[in-house]
């Protein structure tokens, strides 16, 4: 089943309670890290015990996650974590490459010192968290990638890129379990992207960014054949 990248609900504007927000964030993390398996039935009673919260916040959180394409609603049968498969990943990868290339080039065309400084600062924060083993590394990793696109001037495009990033995280966790993935120098790939941006070379920055994404795709190529959970 193909999951289409629809814009997610802005959490700062959605009329949700703090209990729903907490359930949403917890369930999202469990899904993207694979602690809740792709295709797994999400039973309200089981999740109540696991999250130590009420049924209503969980139902509301699951509904929000359907708009993020991380959960699927089953007719008359509740919810399940969205399945994963090669076709879905290839669609996500292709869309990321197309849309982020566009956003990155527009950001560079609109470049300002403030934007460049924020990209450098975001990279520094990400590297520091990685070196310290900080628990917020994943958030800072996303912040770095989104900082590269933030100056494109098209907020809808940025929303699509943000959601595609989230959908891709699940696959990156799978790739990270492969032994040969550990030999990859991801930090050097990030640095190459940033260096090209500071040099204001749009073609080189795009080449490095797309290569960064396609390398993950190459690691996943063989793995997904054995775990097709559509």
C-alpha atoms as a PDB file:
ATOM      1  CA  UNK A   1       0.000   0.000   0.000  1.00  0.00           C
ATOM      2  CA  UNK A   2       1.404   3.373  -1.003  1.00  0.00           C
ATOM      3  CA  UNK A   3       1.435   6.100   1.628  1.00  0.00           C
ATOM      4  CA  UNK A   4       0.923   9.538   0.120  1.00  0.00           C
ATOM      5  CA  UNK A   5       2.765  12.514   1.651  1.00  0.00           C
ATOM      6  CA  UNK A   6      -0.065  14.731   2.883  1.00  0.00           C
ATOM      7  CA  UNK A   7       0.787  17.712   5.058  1.00  0.00           C
ATOM      8  CA  UNK A   8       0.729  16.886   8.759  1.00  0.00           C
ATOM      9  CA  UNK A   9      -1.422  18.713  11.277  1.00  0.00           C
ATOM     10  CA  UNK A  10       0.502  21.635  12.843  1.00  0.00           C
ATOM     11  CA  UNK A  11       0.823  20.511  16.443  1.00  0.00           C
ATOM     12  CA  UNK A  12       1.090  24.067  17.733  1.00  0.00           C
ATOM     13  CA  UNK A  13      -2.308  24.912  16.232  1.00  0.00           C
ATOM     14  CA  UNK A  14      -4.171  21.626  16.590  1.00  0.00           C
ATOM     15  CA  UNK A  15      -6.833  21.699  19.362  1.00  0.00           C
ATOM     16  CA  UNK A  16      -5.394  18.812  21.337  1.00  0.00           C
ATOM     17  CA  UNK A  17      -4.947  18.273  25.052  1.00  0.00           C
ATOM     18  CA  UNK A  18      -1.567  17.811  26.690  1.00  0.00           C
ATOM     19  CA  UNK A  19      -2.468  14.127  27.266  1.00  0.00           C
ATOM     20  CA  UNK A  20      -3.149  13.687  23.561  1.00  0.00           C
ATOM     21  CA  UNK A  21       0.048  15.500  22.662  1.00  0.00           C
ATOM     22  CA  UNK A  22       2.083  13.294  24.994  1.00  0.00           C
ATOM     23  CA  UNK A  23       0.459  10.165  23.585  1.00  0.00           C
ATOM     24  CA  UNK A  24       1.100  11.412  20.052  1.00  0.00           C
ATOM     25  CA  UNK A  25       4.793  12.049  20.691  1.00  0.00           C
ATOM     26  CA  UNK A  26       5.300   8.727  22.482  1.00  0.00           C
ATOM     27  CA  UNK A  27       3.497   6.667  19.845  1.00  0.00           C
ATOM     28  CA  UNK A  28       5.284   8.483  17.043  1.00  0.00           C
ATOM     29  CA  UNK A  29       8.650   7.641  18.557  1.00  0.00           C
ATOM     30  CA  UNK A  30       7.673   3.985  19.096  1.00  0.00           C
ATOM     31  CA  UNK A  31       6.612   3.699  15.463  1.00  0.00           C
ATOM     32  CA  UNK A  32       9.533   5.445  13.773  1.00  0.00           C
ATOM     33  CA  UNK A  33      12.121   3.566  15.847  1.00  0.00           C
ATOM     34  CA  UNK A  34      10.449   0.223  15.160  1.00  0.00           C
ATOM     35  CA  UNK A  35       9.489  -0.541  18.759  1.00  0.00           C
ATOM     36  CA  UNK A  36       5.985  -0.858  17.345  1.00  0.00           C
ATOM     37  CA  UNK A  37       6.471  -3.074  14.309  1.00  0.00           C
ATOM     38  CA  UNK A  38       5.322  -2.028  10.833  1.00  0.00           C
ATOM     39  CA  UNK A  39       1.850  -3.425  10.241  1.00  0.00           C
ATOM     40  CA  UNK A  40       1.315  -4.153  13.960  1.00  0.00           C
ATOM     41  CA  UNK A  41      -2.269  -3.847  15.195  1.00  0.00           C
ATOM     42  CA  UNK A  42      -2.495  -0.953  17.651  1.00  0.00           C
ATOM     43  CA  UNK A  43      -4.941  -2.029  20.336  1.00  0.00           C
ATOM     44  CA  UNK A  44      -6.264   0.740  22.542  1.00  0.00           C
ATOM     45  CA  UNK A  45      -6.277  -1.364  25.716  1.00  0.00           C
ATOM     46  CA  UNK A  46      -2.701  -2.522  25.189  1.00  0.00           C
ATOM     47  CA  UNK A  47      -1.526   1.031  24.509  1.00  0.00           C
ATOM     48  CA  UNK A  48      -3.361   2.318  27.599  1.00  0.00           C
ATOM     49  CA  UNK A  49      -1.266   0.024  29.775  1.00  0.00           C
ATOM     50  CA  UNK A  50       1.940   0.846  27.936  1.00  0.00           C
ATOM     51  CA  UNK A  51       1.498   4.622  27.956  1.00  0.00           C
ATOM     52  CA  UNK A  52      -0.331   4.812  31.296  1.00  0.00           C
ATOM     53  CA  UNK A  53      -2.972   7.149  29.921  1.00  0.00           C
ATOM     54  CA  UNK A  54      -6.646   7.104  28.954  1.00  0.00           C
ATOM     55  CA  UNK A  55      -8.296   5.632  25.881  1.00  0.00           C
ATOM     56  CA  UNK A  56      -9.482   8.980  24.499  1.00  0.00           C
ATOM     57  CA  UNK A  57      -6.003  10.601  24.245  1.00  0.00           C
ATOM     58  CA  UNK A  58      -4.716   7.445  22.544  1.00  0.00           C
ATOM     59  CA  UNK A  59      -7.538   7.416  19.983  1.00  0.00           C
ATOM     60  CA  UNK A  60      -6.992  11.104  19.272  1.00  0.00           C
ATOM     61  CA  UNK A  61      -3.229  10.574  18.951  1.00  0.00           C
ATOM     62  CA  UNK A  62      -3.730   7.666  16.551  1.00  0.00           C
ATOM     63  CA  UNK A  63      -6.031   9.819  14.439  1.00  0.00           C
ATOM     64  CA  UNK A  64      -3.355  12.519  14.285  1.00  0.00           C
ATOM     65  CA  UNK A  65      -0.767   9.932  13.285  1.00  0.00           C
ATOM     66  CA  UNK A  66      -2.946   8.820  10.379  1.00  0.00           C
ATOM     67  CA  UNK A  67      -2.533  12.319   8.921  1.00  0.00           C
ATOM     68  CA  UNK A  68       1.233  11.810   9.255  1.00  0.00           C
ATOM     69  CA  UNK A  69       0.911   8.488   7.355  1.00  0.00           C
ATOM     70  CA  UNK A  70       2.554   6.648  10.249  1.00  0.00           C
ATOM     71  CA  UNK A  71      -0.698   4.910  11.257  1.00  0.00           C
ATOM     72  CA  UNK A  72      -3.474   3.427   9.137  1.00  0.00           C
ATOM     73  CA  UNK A  73      -7.131   3.270  10.133  1.00  0.00           C
ATOM     74  CA  UNK A  74      -8.687  -0.137   9.478  1.00  0.00           C
ATOM     75  CA  UNK A  75     -12.371  -0.226   8.568  1.00  0.00           C
ATOM     76  CA  UNK A  76     -14.265  -1.351  11.659  1.00  0.00           C
ATOM     77  CA  UNK A  77     -11.041  -2.844  13.052  1.00  0.00           C
ATOM     78  CA  UNK A  78      -9.153   0.004  14.696  1.00  0.00           C
ATOM     79  CA  UNK A  79      -5.629   1.058  13.784  1.00  0.00           C
ATOM     80  CA  UNK A  80      -2.285  -0.407  12.783  1.00  0.00           C
ATOM     81  CA  UNK A  81       1.220   0.965  12.363  1.00  0.00           C
ATOM     82  CA  UNK A  82       1.727   1.777   8.687  1.00  0.00           C
ATOM     83  CA  UNK A  83       3.392  -1.097   6.817  1.00  0.00           C
ATOM     84  CA  UNK A  84       6.755  -0.747   5.109  1.00  0.00           C
ATOM     85  CA  UNK A  85       7.904  -2.112   1.781  1.00  0.00           C
ATOM     86  CA  UNK A  86      10.328  -1.424  -1.043  1.00  0.00           C
ATOM     87  CA  UNK A  87       7.795   0.429  -3.202  1.00  0.00           C
ATOM     88  CA  UNK A  88       6.878   2.770  -0.372  1.00  0.00           C
ATOM     89  CA  UNK A  89      10.514   3.520   0.414  1.00  0.00           C
ATOM     90  CA  UNK A  90      11.368   4.139  -3.240  1.00  0.00           C
ATOM     91  CA  UNK A  91       8.463   6.598  -3.468  1.00  0.00           C
ATOM     92  CA  UNK A  92       9.611   8.433  -0.335  1.00  0.00           C
ATOM     93  CA  UNK A  93      13.200   8.548  -1.598  1.00  0.00           C
ATOM     94  CA  UNK A  94      12.197   9.817  -5.048  1.00  0.00           C
ATOM     95  CA  UNK A  95       9.965  12.519  -3.583  1.00  0.00           C
ATOM     96  CA  UNK A  96      12.642  13.610  -1.095  1.00  0.00           C
ATOM     97  CA  UNK A  97      15.198  13.945  -3.854  1.00  0.00           C
ATOM     98  CA  UNK A  98      12.866  15.959  -6.082  1.00  0.00           C
ATOM     99  CA  UNK A  99      11.380  18.240  -3.442  1.00  0.00           C
ATOM    100  CA  UNK A 100      14.490  18.815  -1.337  1.00  0.00           C
ATOM    101  CA  UNK A 101      16.550  19.557  -4.426  1.00  0.00           C
ATOM    102  CA  UNK A 102      13.999  22.231  -5.297  1.00  0.00           C
ATOM    103  CA  UNK A 103      13.883  23.621  -1.744  1.00  0.00           C
ATOM    104  CA  UNK A 104      17.663  23.620  -1.341  1.00  0.00           C
ATOM    105  CA  UNK A 105      18.249  25.423  -4.631  1.00  0.00           C
ATOM    106  CA  UNK A 106      15.603  28.028  -3.788  1.00  0.00           C
ATOM    107  CA  UNK A 107      17.127  28.514  -0.347  1.00  0.00           C
ATOM    108  CA  UNK A 108      20.519  29.137  -1.907  1.00  0.00           C
ATOM    109  CA  UNK A 109      19.007  31.497  -4.466  1.00  0.00           C
ATOM    110  CA  UNK A 110      17.438  33.440  -1.576  1.00  0.00           C
ATOM    111  CA  UNK A 111      20.508  33.092   0.627  1.00  0.00           C
ATOM    112  CA  UNK A 112      21.123  35.439   3.509  1.00  0.00           C
ATOM    113  CA  UNK A 113      23.850  35.549   6.125  1.00  0.00           C
ATOM    114  CA  UNK A 114      21.287  34.710   8.802  1.00  0.00           C
ATOM    115  CA  UNK A 115      20.237  31.558   6.945  1.00  0.00           C
ATOM    116  CA  UNK A 116      23.828  30.428   6.383  1.00  0.00           C
ATOM    117  CA  UNK A 117      24.681  31.075  10.034  1.00  0.00           C
ATOM    118  CA  UNK A 118      21.657  29.067  11.164  1.00  0.00           C
ATOM    119  CA  UNK A 119      22.691  26.145   8.932  1.00  0.00           C
ATOM    120  CA  UNK A 120      26.189  26.190  10.457  1.00  0.00           C
ATOM    121  CA  UNK A 121      24.779  26.450  14.001  1.00  0.00           C
ATOM    122  CA  UNK A 122      22.325  23.597  13.378  1.00  0.00           C
ATOM    123  CA  UNK A 123      25.175  21.435  12.134  1.00  0.00           C
ATOM    124  CA  UNK A 124      27.262  22.261  15.207  1.00  0.00           C
ATOM    125  CA  UNK A 125      24.417  21.362  17.571  1.00  0.00           C
ATOM    126  CA  UNK A 126      23.830  18.076  15.759  1.00  0.00           C
ATOM    127  CA  UNK A 127      27.528  17.103  15.891  1.00  0.00           C
ATOM    128  CA  UNK A 128      27.783  18.027  19.568  1.00  0.00           C
ATOM    129  CA  UNK A 129      24.737  15.901  20.418  1.00  0.00           C
ATOM    130  CA  UNK A 130      26.157  13.007  18.427  1.00  0.00           C
ATOM    131  CA  UNK A 131      29.513  13.245  20.188  1.00  0.00           C
ATOM    132  CA  UNK A 132      27.869  13.386  23.614  1.00  0.00           C
ATOM    133  CA  UNK A 133      25.405  10.610  22.879  1.00  0.00           C
ATOM    134  CA  UNK A 134      22.588  13.025  23.685  1.00  0.00           C
ATOM    135  CA  UNK A 135      19.031  11.746  23.503  1.00  0.00           C
ATOM    136  CA  UNK A 136      17.922  14.668  21.357  1.00  0.00           C
ATOM    137  CA  UNK A 137      20.262  13.812  18.470  1.00  0.00           C
ATOM    138  CA  UNK A 138      17.400  12.713  16.209  1.00  0.00           C
ATOM    139  CA  UNK A 139      15.577  16.022  16.713  1.00  0.00           C
ATOM    140  CA  UNK A 140      18.768  17.972  16.019  1.00  0.00           C
ATOM    141  CA  UNK A 141      19.520  15.834  12.972  1.00  0.00           C
ATOM    142  CA  UNK A 142      16.144  16.769  11.524  1.00  0.00           C
ATOM    143  CA  UNK A 143      16.670  20.409  12.534  1.00  0.00           C
ATOM    144  CA  UNK A 144      19.900  20.462  10.514  1.00  0.00           C
ATOM    145  CA  UNK A 145      18.294  19.043   7.381  1.00  0.00           C
ATOM    146  CA  UNK A 146      15.303  21.359   7.649  1.00  0.00           C
ATOM    147  CA  UNK A 147      17.571  24.373   8.247  1.00  0.00           C
ATOM    148  CA  UNK A 148      19.083  23.757   4.810  1.00  0.00           C
ATOM    149  CA  UNK A 149      15.642  24.152   3.225  1.00  0.00           C
ATOM    150  CA  UNK A 150      14.168  26.832   5.479  1.00  0.00           C
ATOM    151  CA  UNK A 151      15.060  29.774   3.233  1.00  0.00           C
ATOM    152  CA  UNK A 152      13.186  28.535   0.157  1.00  0.00           C
ATOM    153  CA  UNK A 153      10.239  30.831   0.838  1.00  0.00           C
ATOM    154  CA  UNK A 154       7.625  28.140   0.172  1.00  0.00           C
ATOM    155  CA  UNK A 155       6.115  26.950   3.493  1.00  0.00           C
ATOM    156  CA  UNK A 156       3.988  24.222   1.883  1.00  0.00           C
ATOM    157  CA  UNK A 157       7.080  22.752   0.250  1.00  0.00           C
ATOM    158  CA  UNK A 158       8.870  22.790   3.613  1.00  0.00           C
ATOM    159  CA  UNK A 159       5.917  20.936   5.216  1.00  0.00           C
ATOM    160  CA  UNK A 160       6.087  18.215   2.570  1.00  0.00           C
ATOM    161  CA  UNK A 161       9.848  17.872   3.083  1.00  0.00           C
ATOM    162  CA  UNK A 162       9.368  17.667   6.846  1.00  0.00           C
ATOM    163  CA  UNK A 163       6.821  14.878   6.586  1.00  0.00           C
ATOM    164  CA  UNK A 164       8.905  12.936   4.077  1.00  0.00           C
ATOM    165  CA  UNK A 165      11.809  13.160   6.510  1.00  0.00           C
ATOM    166  CA  UNK A 166       9.623  11.633   9.229  1.00  0.00           C
ATOM    167  CA  UNK A 167       8.430   8.823   6.954  1.00  0.00           C
ATOM    168  CA  UNK A 168      12.029   8.077   6.015  1.00  0.00           C
ATOM    169  CA  UNK A 169      13.228   7.745   9.629  1.00  0.00           C
ATOM    170  CA  UNK A 170      11.633   4.297   9.963  1.00  0.00           C
ATOM    171  CA  UNK A 171      13.664   3.026   7.037  1.00  0.00           C
ATOM    172  CA  UNK A 172      16.869   4.610   8.300  1.00  0.00           C
ATOM    173  CA  UNK A 173      16.533   2.703  11.566  1.00  0.00           C
ATOM    174  CA  UNK A 174      16.262  -0.493   9.537  1.00  0.00           C
ATOM    175  CA  UNK A 175      19.333   0.410   7.479  1.00  0.00           C
ATOM    176  CA  UNK A 176      21.235   1.175  10.657  1.00  0.00           C
ATOM    177  CA  UNK A 177      20.896  -2.450  11.742  1.00  0.00           C
ATOM    178  CA  UNK A 178      22.894  -3.636   8.722  1.00  0.00           C
ATOM    179  CA  UNK A 179      26.524  -4.395   9.527  1.00  0.00           C
ATOM    180  CA  UNK A 180      27.937  -2.625   6.461  1.00  0.00           C
ATOM    181  CA  UNK A 181      25.950   0.528   7.288  1.00  0.00           C
ATOM    182  CA  UNK A 182      28.232   1.118  10.268  1.00  0.00           C
ATOM    183  CA  UNK A 183      31.190   1.713   7.931  1.00  0.00           C
ATOM    184  CA  UNK A 184      29.464   4.681   6.349  1.00  0.00           C
ATOM    185  CA  UNK A 185      30.840   8.116   7.281  1.00  0.00           C
ATOM    186  CA  UNK A 186      27.578  10.034   7.657  1.00  0.00           C
ATOM    187  CA  UNK A 187      29.296  12.926   9.455  1.00  0.00           C
ATOM    188  CA  UNK A 188      31.531  13.502   6.432  1.00  0.00           C
ATOM    189  CA  UNK A 189      28.471  13.489   4.181  1.00  0.00           C
ATOM    190  CA  UNK A 190      26.798  16.162   6.328  1.00  0.00           C
ATOM    191  CA  UNK A 191      29.980  18.236   6.321  1.00  0.00           C
ATOM    192  CA  UNK A 192      30.242  18.054   2.534  1.00  0.00           C
ATOM    193  CA  UNK A 193      26.684  19.360   2.164  1.00  0.00           C
ATOM    194  CA  UNK A 194      27.337  22.234   4.571  1.00  0.00           C
ATOM    195  CA  UNK A 195      30.654  23.149   2.938  1.00  0.00           C
ATOM    196  CA  UNK A 196      28.979  23.419  -0.456  1.00  0.00           C
ATOM    197  CA  UNK A 197      26.276  25.655   1.006  1.00  0.00           C
ATOM    198  CA  UNK A 198      28.822  27.946   2.646  1.00  0.00           C
ATOM    199  CA  UNK A 199      30.627  28.044  -0.713  1.00  0.00           C
ATOM    200  CA  UNK A 200      27.253  28.949  -2.284  1.00  0.00           C
ATOM    201  CA  UNK A 201      27.591  26.211  -4.884  1.00  0.00           C
ATOM    202  CA  UNK A 202      24.036  25.048  -5.550  1.00  0.00           C
ATOM    203  CA  UNK A 203      24.981  22.221  -7.923  1.00  0.00           C
ATOM    204  CA  UNK A 204      27.564  20.767  -5.557  1.00  0.00           C
ATOM    205  CA  UNK A 205      25.278  21.127  -2.525  1.00  0.00           C
ATOM    206  CA  UNK A 206      22.491  19.333  -4.382  1.00  0.00           C
ATOM    207  CA  UNK A 207      24.835  16.563  -5.544  1.00  0.00           C
ATOM    208  CA  UNK A 208      26.014  15.930  -1.986  1.00  0.00           C
ATOM    209  CA  UNK A 209      22.492  16.024  -0.534  1.00  0.00           C
ATOM    210  CA  UNK A 210      21.048  13.599  -3.084  1.00  0.00           C
ATOM    211  CA  UNK A 211      24.050  11.296  -2.747  1.00  0.00           C
ATOM    212  CA  UNK A 212      23.503  11.327   1.026  1.00  0.00           C
ATOM    213  CA  UNK A 213      19.932  10.081   0.587  1.00  0.00           C
ATOM    214  CA  UNK A 214      20.676   7.583  -2.164  1.00  0.00           C
ATOM    215  CA  UNK A 215      23.380   5.898  -0.074  1.00  0.00           C
ATOM    216  CA  UNK A 216      20.731   5.019   2.498  1.00  0.00           C
ATOM    217  CA  UNK A 217      18.626   3.632  -0.333  1.00  0.00           C
ATOM    218  CA  UNK A 218      21.511   1.447  -1.466  1.00  0.00           C
ATOM    219  CA  UNK A 219      21.917  -0.028   2.027  1.00  0.00           C
ATOM    220  CA  UNK A 220      18.192  -0.777   2.198  1.00  0.00           C
ATOM    221  CA  UNK A 221      17.916  -2.328  -1.256  1.00  0.00           C
ATOM    222  CA  UNK A 222      18.583  -5.905  -0.192  1.00  0.00           C
ATOM    223  CA  UNK A 223      17.151  -5.632   3.301  1.00  0.00           C
ATOM    224  CA  UNK A 224      13.617  -4.683   2.261  1.00  0.00           C
ATOM    225  CA  UNK A 225      13.211  -7.741   0.044  1.00  0.00           C
ATOM    226  CA  UNK A 226      13.214  -9.892   3.160  1.00  0.00           C
ATOM    227  CA  UNK A 227      10.842  -7.773   5.264  1.00  0.00           C
ATOM    228  CA  UNK A 228       8.131  -6.677   2.846  1.00  0.00           C
ATOM    229  CA  UNK A 229       5.245  -5.930   5.191  1.00  0.00           C
ATOM    230  CA  UNK A 230       2.700  -4.382   2.843  1.00  0.00           C
END
